C-alpha atoms as a PDB file:
ATOM      1  CA  UNK A   1      74.136   5.650  69.331  1.00  0.00           C
ATOM      2  CA  UNK A   2      75.320   8.662  67.477  1.00  0.00           C
ATOM      3  CA  UNK A   3      74.150  12.748  68.856  1.00  0.00           C
ATOM      4  CA  UNK A   4      74.033  15.058  66.598  1.00  0.00           C
ATOM      5  CA  UNK A   5      73.718  19.114  68.246  1.00  0.00           C
ATOM      6  CA  UNK A   6      73.245  22.067  65.485  1.00  0.00           C
ATOM      7  CA  UNK A   7      74.350  25.314  66.579  1.00  0.00           C
ATOM      8  CA  UNK A   8      74.393  29.035  64.527  1.00  0.00           C
ATOM      9  CA  UNK A   9      71.305  29.866  63.492  1.00  0.00           C
ATOM     10  CA  UNK A  10      69.682  33.101  63.727  1.00  0.00           C
ATOM     11  CA  UNK A  11      68.291  36.275  61.931  1.00  0.00           C
ATOM     12  CA  UNK A  12      70.201  37.489  58.856  1.00  0.00           C
ATOM     13  CA  UNK A  13      69.310  40.336  56.693  1.00  0.00           C
ATOM     14  CA  UNK A  14      69.305  38.451  52.931  1.00  0.00           C
ATOM     15  CA  UNK A  15      72.554  38.776  50.873  1.00  0.00           C
ATOM     16  CA  UNK A  16      74.344  38.004  54.270  1.00  0.00           C
ATOM     17  CA  UNK A  17      75.475  35.214  56.169  1.00  0.00           C
ATOM     18  CA  UNK A  18      75.915  32.452  58.463  1.00  0.00           C
ATOM     19  CA  UNK A  19      77.697  29.799  59.691  1.00  0.00           C
ATOM     20  CA  UNK A  20      76.541  26.517  60.893  1.00  0.00           C
ATOM     21  CA  UNK A  21      77.941  23.523  63.215  1.00  0.00           C
ATOM     22  CA  UNK A  22      76.602  20.395  64.168  1.00  0.00           C
ATOM     23  CA  UNK A  23      78.640  18.577  67.259  1.00  0.00           C
ATOM     24  CA  UNK A  24      78.791  14.864  67.114  1.00  0.00           C
ATOM     25  CA  UNK A  25      79.118  12.545  70.301  1.00  0.00           C
ATOM     26  CA  UNK A  26      79.055   9.225  70.951  1.00  0.00           C
ATOM     27  CA  UNK A  27      80.087   7.726  68.412  1.00  0.00           C
ATOM     28  CA  UNK A  28      83.431   8.051  66.159  1.00  0.00           C
ATOM     29  CA  UNK A  29      82.097  10.595  63.473  1.00  0.00           C
ATOM     30  CA  UNK A  30      84.602   9.959  61.027  1.00  0.00           C
ATOM     31  CA  UNK A  31      83.071   7.098  59.877  1.00  0.00           C
ATOM     32  CA  UNK A  32      79.929   8.733  58.864  1.00  0.00           C
ATOM     33  CA  UNK A  33      78.922  10.058  55.642  1.00  0.00           C
ATOM     34  CA  UNK A  34      77.036  13.411  56.881  1.00  0.00           C
ATOM     35  CA  UNK A  35      74.750  16.167  55.210  1.00  0.00           C
ATOM     36  CA  UNK A  36      72.462  19.084  55.503  1.00  0.00           C
ATOM     37  CA  UNK A  37      68.772  18.853  55.827  1.00  0.00           C
ATOM     38  CA  UNK A  38      66.566  21.811  55.836  1.00  0.00           C
ATOM     39  CA  UNK A  39      62.409  22.168  56.181  1.00  0.00           C
ATOM     40  CA  UNK A  40      61.038  25.710  55.265  1.00  0.00           C
ATOM     41  CA  UNK A  41      57.999  24.886  56.609  1.00  0.00           C
ATOM     42  CA  UNK A  42      55.985  22.421  58.813  1.00  0.00           C
ATOM     43  CA  UNK A  43      54.124  20.425  56.641  1.00  0.00           C
ATOM     44  CA  UNK A  44      56.897  20.584  53.746  1.00  0.00           C
ATOM     45  CA  UNK A  45      59.334  18.295  52.874  1.00  0.00           C
ATOM     46  CA  UNK A  46      62.751  18.024  53.925  1.00  0.00           C
ATOM     47  CA  UNK A  47      64.799  18.980  51.262  1.00  0.00           C
ATOM     48  CA  UNK A  48      68.498  17.993  50.654  1.00  0.00           C
ATOM     49  CA  UNK A  49      71.316  20.677  51.139  1.00  0.00           C
ATOM     50  CA  UNK A  50      74.728  19.562  51.584  1.00  0.00           C
ATOM     51  CA  UNK A  51      76.496  16.440  51.478  1.00  0.00           C
ATOM     52  CA  UNK A  52      80.020  15.102  52.276  1.00  0.00           C
ATOM     53  CA  UNK A  53      81.200  11.591  52.401  1.00  0.00           C
ATOM     54  CA  UNK A  54      84.060  10.098  54.870  1.00  0.00           C
ATOM     55  CA  UNK A  55      86.469  10.839  52.392  1.00  0.00           C
ATOM     56  CA  UNK A  56      85.704  14.626  52.206  1.00  0.00           C
ATOM     57  CA  UNK A  57      83.611  14.520  48.749  1.00  0.00           C
ATOM     58  CA  UNK A  58      81.137  17.389  48.789  1.00  0.00           C
ATOM     59  CA  UNK A  59      77.674  17.512  46.688  1.00  0.00           C
ATOM     60  CA  UNK A  60      75.077  20.216  46.740  1.00  0.00           C
ATOM     61  CA  UNK A  61      71.768  21.022  46.201  1.00  0.00           C
ATOM     62  CA  UNK A  62      71.338  23.363  42.676  1.00  0.00           C
ATOM     63  CA  UNK A  63      69.711  25.522  45.038  1.00  0.00           C
ATOM     64  CA  UNK A  64      72.381  26.305  47.004  1.00  0.00           C
ATOM     65  CA  UNK A  65      75.501  25.558  44.900  1.00  0.00           C
ATOM     66  CA  UNK A  66      77.920  28.501  44.804  1.00  0.00           C
ATOM     67  CA  UNK A  67      76.461  30.440  48.049  1.00  0.00           C
ATOM     68  CA  UNK A  68      76.929  27.848  50.957  1.00  0.00           C
ATOM     69  CA  UNK A  69      80.346  25.321  51.485  1.00  0.00           C
ATOM     70  CA  UNK A  70      79.914  21.710  53.566  1.00  0.00           C
ATOM     71  CA  UNK A  71      83.241  21.049  55.279  1.00  0.00           C
ATOM     72  CA  UNK A  72      84.035  18.762  58.315  1.00  0.00           C
ATOM     73  CA  UNK A  73      86.434  18.552  61.234  1.00  0.00           C
ATOM     74  CA  UNK A  74      86.777  14.416  62.447  1.00  0.00           C
ATOM     75  CA  UNK A  75      89.460  16.185  65.243  1.00  0.00           C
ATOM     76  CA  UNK A  76      87.034  18.270  67.039  1.00  0.00           C
ATOM     77  CA  UNK A  77      83.429  15.173  65.886  1.00  0.00           C
ATOM     78  CA  UNK A  78      82.146  18.511  64.172  1.00  0.00           C
ATOM     79  CA  UNK A  79      80.566  19.395  61.174  1.00  0.00           C
ATOM     80  CA  UNK A  80      80.152  23.020  59.540  1.00  0.00           C
ATOM     81  CA  UNK A  81      77.583  25.054  56.829  1.00  0.00           C
ATOM     82  CA  UNK A  82      79.039  28.029  55.600  1.00  0.00           C
ATOM     83  CA  UNK A  83      76.155  29.735  54.581  1.00  0.00           C
ATOM     84  CA  UNK A  84      76.904  33.049  52.172  1.00  0.00           C
ATOM     85  CA  UNK A  85      74.296  35.634  49.934  1.00  0.00           C
ATOM     86  CA  UNK A  86      71.712  34.016  51.865  1.00  0.00           C
ATOM     87  CA  UNK A  87      68.305  34.464  50.567  1.00  0.00           C
ATOM     88  CA  UNK A  88      65.556  34.183  51.782  1.00  0.00           C
ATOM     89  CA  UNK A  89      63.981  31.509  50.193  1.00  0.00           C
ATOM     90  CA  UNK A  90      66.395  30.138  53.122  1.00  0.00           C
ATOM     91  CA  UNK A  91      64.847  30.146  55.388  1.00  0.00           C
ATOM     92  CA  UNK A  92      64.583  26.691  57.472  1.00  0.00           C
ATOM     93  CA  UNK A  93      64.792  24.659  59.877  1.00  0.00           C
ATOM     94  CA  UNK A  94      68.473  23.225  59.213  1.00  0.00           C
ATOM     95  CA  UNK A  95      68.940  19.783  59.889  1.00  0.00           C
ATOM     96  CA  UNK A  96      72.375  17.609  61.002  1.00  0.00           C
ATOM     97  CA  UNK A  97      72.277  14.284  59.150  1.00  0.00           C
ATOM     98  CA  UNK A  98      74.917  11.687  59.505  1.00  0.00           C
ATOM     99  CA  UNK A  99      74.626   7.699  58.116  1.00  0.00           C
ATOM    100  CA  UNK A 100      76.716   4.467  58.347  1.00  0.00           C
ATOM    101  CA  UNK A 101      74.857   2.051  56.210  1.00  0.00           C
ATOM    102  CA  UNK A 102      71.782   1.380  57.944  1.00  0.00           C
ATOM    103  CA  UNK A 103      72.207   3.598  60.130  1.00  0.00           C
ATOM    104  CA  UNK A 104      70.434   7.234  60.095  1.00  0.00           C
ATOM    105  CA  UNK A 105      70.866   9.794  63.252  1.00  0.00           C
ATOM    106  CA  UNK A 106      69.223  13.383  62.925  1.00  0.00           C
ATOM    107  CA  UNK A 107      70.033  16.638  65.112  1.00  0.00           C
ATOM    108  CA  UNK A 108      67.068  18.780  66.867  1.00  0.00           C
ATOM    109  CA  UNK A 109      67.657  21.309  63.934  1.00  0.00           C
ATOM    110  CA  UNK A 110      67.920  25.414  64.205  1.00  0.00           C
ATOM    111  CA  UNK A 111      66.470  27.879  62.521  1.00  0.00           C
ATOM    112  CA  UNK A 112      68.173  30.563  59.981  1.00  0.00           C
ATOM    113  CA  UNK A 113      65.706  32.852  58.697  1.00  0.00           C
ATOM    114  CA  UNK A 114      66.712  35.639  56.135  1.00  0.00           C
ATOM    115  CA  UNK A 115      64.767  38.551  56.169  1.00  0.00           C
ATOM    116  CA  UNK A 116      65.473  42.406  56.398  1.00  0.00           C
END
């Protein structure tokens, strides 16, 4: 079973940058398609932000396209989200997600707050 642990969240001013990391263990990370989701507040729907396939193809939500970059390093069992030009509306808990067939796993989340 795959375990996912996010890190790298924090408080940043508008226009700033953060880099989130997701470290995986328990299985071969390279066989999973992975993604980042975010949830702005309790009660709000968790929304998809970015995804990367096992072959490295990427896709982004319109709200983050051009500002966020998703990447993975299978040798390190890790995935990253480089977030630039951050806006207050990017404030959310960010979750790492991995899927292979019907198997789906979530991390515990890391808080990102964009505020002056």
